[in-house]
Amino acid sequence: MAVMVHQNENIDAALKRLHREVMREKVLETLKFRQYRIKKSELQSEKRREWAKMKKRRRAAARRAK
């Protein structure tokens, strides 16, 4: 897994892309699951928290775009 930083791209933007790729491929989730047992409810709440964060960012971006 790798993210190429473009010539005129901010390093923070590249890190965000890397984070999205990690989340998409469920690398951290798999690591945690194999490292120690995670209750199903904890996993669901973590996913809900992540989706809420993304939803908040999208809505803020939509408001800024208006």
Protein backbone atom coordinates (compact mmCIF):
# COMPACT_ATOMS: atom_id res chain seq x y z
CA MET A 1 0.00 0.00 0.00
CA ALA A 2 1.47 3.33 -1.01
CA VAL A 3 0.50 6.89 -1.75
CA MET A 4 2.55 9.01 -4.11
CA VAL A 5 2.88 12.64 -3.07
CA HIS A 6 2.41 14.83 -6.12
CA GLN A 7 4.73 17.74 -6.80
CA ASN A 8 2.37 20.55 -5.76
CA GLU A 9 0.35 18.54 -3.20
CA ASN A 10 0.28 19.30 0.48
CA ILE A 11 1.71 16.52 2.67
CA ASP A 12 -1.45 16.58 4.82
CA ALA A 13 -3.59 15.83 1.78
CA ALA A 14 -1.38 12.87 0.93
CA LEU A 15 -1.67 11.58 4.50
CA LYS A 16 -5.46 11.86 4.28
CA ARG A 17 -5.39 9.81 1.07
CA LEU A 18 -3.23 7.20 2.79
CA HIS A 19 -5.61 7.10 5.75
CA ARG A 20 -8.60 6.62 3.42
CA GLU A 21 -6.81 3.77 1.67
CA VAL A 22 -5.99 2.10 4.99
CA MET A 23 -9.61 2.43 6.10
CA ARG A 24 -10.89 1.12 2.75
CA GLU A 25 -8.70 -1.97 2.94
CA LYS A 26 -9.54 -2.45 6.66
CA VAL A 27 -5.88 -2.83 7.63
CA LEU A 28 -6.24 -1.49 11.17
CA GLU A 29 -9.47 -3.38 11.74
CA THR A 30 -7.84 -6.67 10.71
CA LEU A 31 -4.79 -5.96 12.83
CA LYS A 32 -6.88 -5.24 15.93
CA PHE A 33 -9.07 -8.28 15.30
CA ARG A 34 -6.06 -10.59 15.05
CA GLN A 35 -4.17 -8.97 17.91
CA TYR A 36 -6.90 -9.40 20.52
CA ARG A 37 -10.60 -10.06 20.69
CA ILE A 38 -12.94 -7.16 19.92
CA LYS A 39 -16.57 -7.28 20.91
CA LYS A 40 -19.00 -6.89 18.03
CA SER A 41 -20.63 -3.87 19.68
CA GLU A 42 -17.27 -2.08 19.95
CA LEU A 43 -16.59 -2.72 16.28
CA GLN A 44 -20.00 -1.38 15.28
CA SER A 45 -19.61 1.75 17.41
CA GLU A 46 -16.18 2.41 15.90
CA LYS A 47 -17.59 2.13 12.37
CA ARG A 48 -20.51 4.40 13.29
CA ARG A 49 -18.07 6.97 14.70
CA GLU A 50 -15.97 6.89 11.52
CA TRP A 51 -19.03 7.28 9.26
CA ALA A 52 -20.30 10.15 11.41
CA LYS A 53 -16.96 11.91 11.03
CA MET A 54 -17.06 11.48 7.24
CA LYS A 55 -20.67 12.66 7.10
CA LYS A 56 -19.78 15.76 9.11
CA ARG A 57 -16.88 16.57 6.78
CA ARG A 58 -18.99 16.11 3.65
CA ARG A 59 -21.75 18.34 4.94
CA ALA A 60 -19.26 21.02 5.97
CA ALA A 61 -17.69 20.88 2.51
CA ALA A 62 -21.12 21.14 0.88
CA ARG A 63 -21.92 24.21 2.99
CA ARG A 64 -18.61 25.82 2.03
CA ALA A 65 -19.23 25.06 -1.65
CA LYS A 66 -22.53 26.98 -1.68
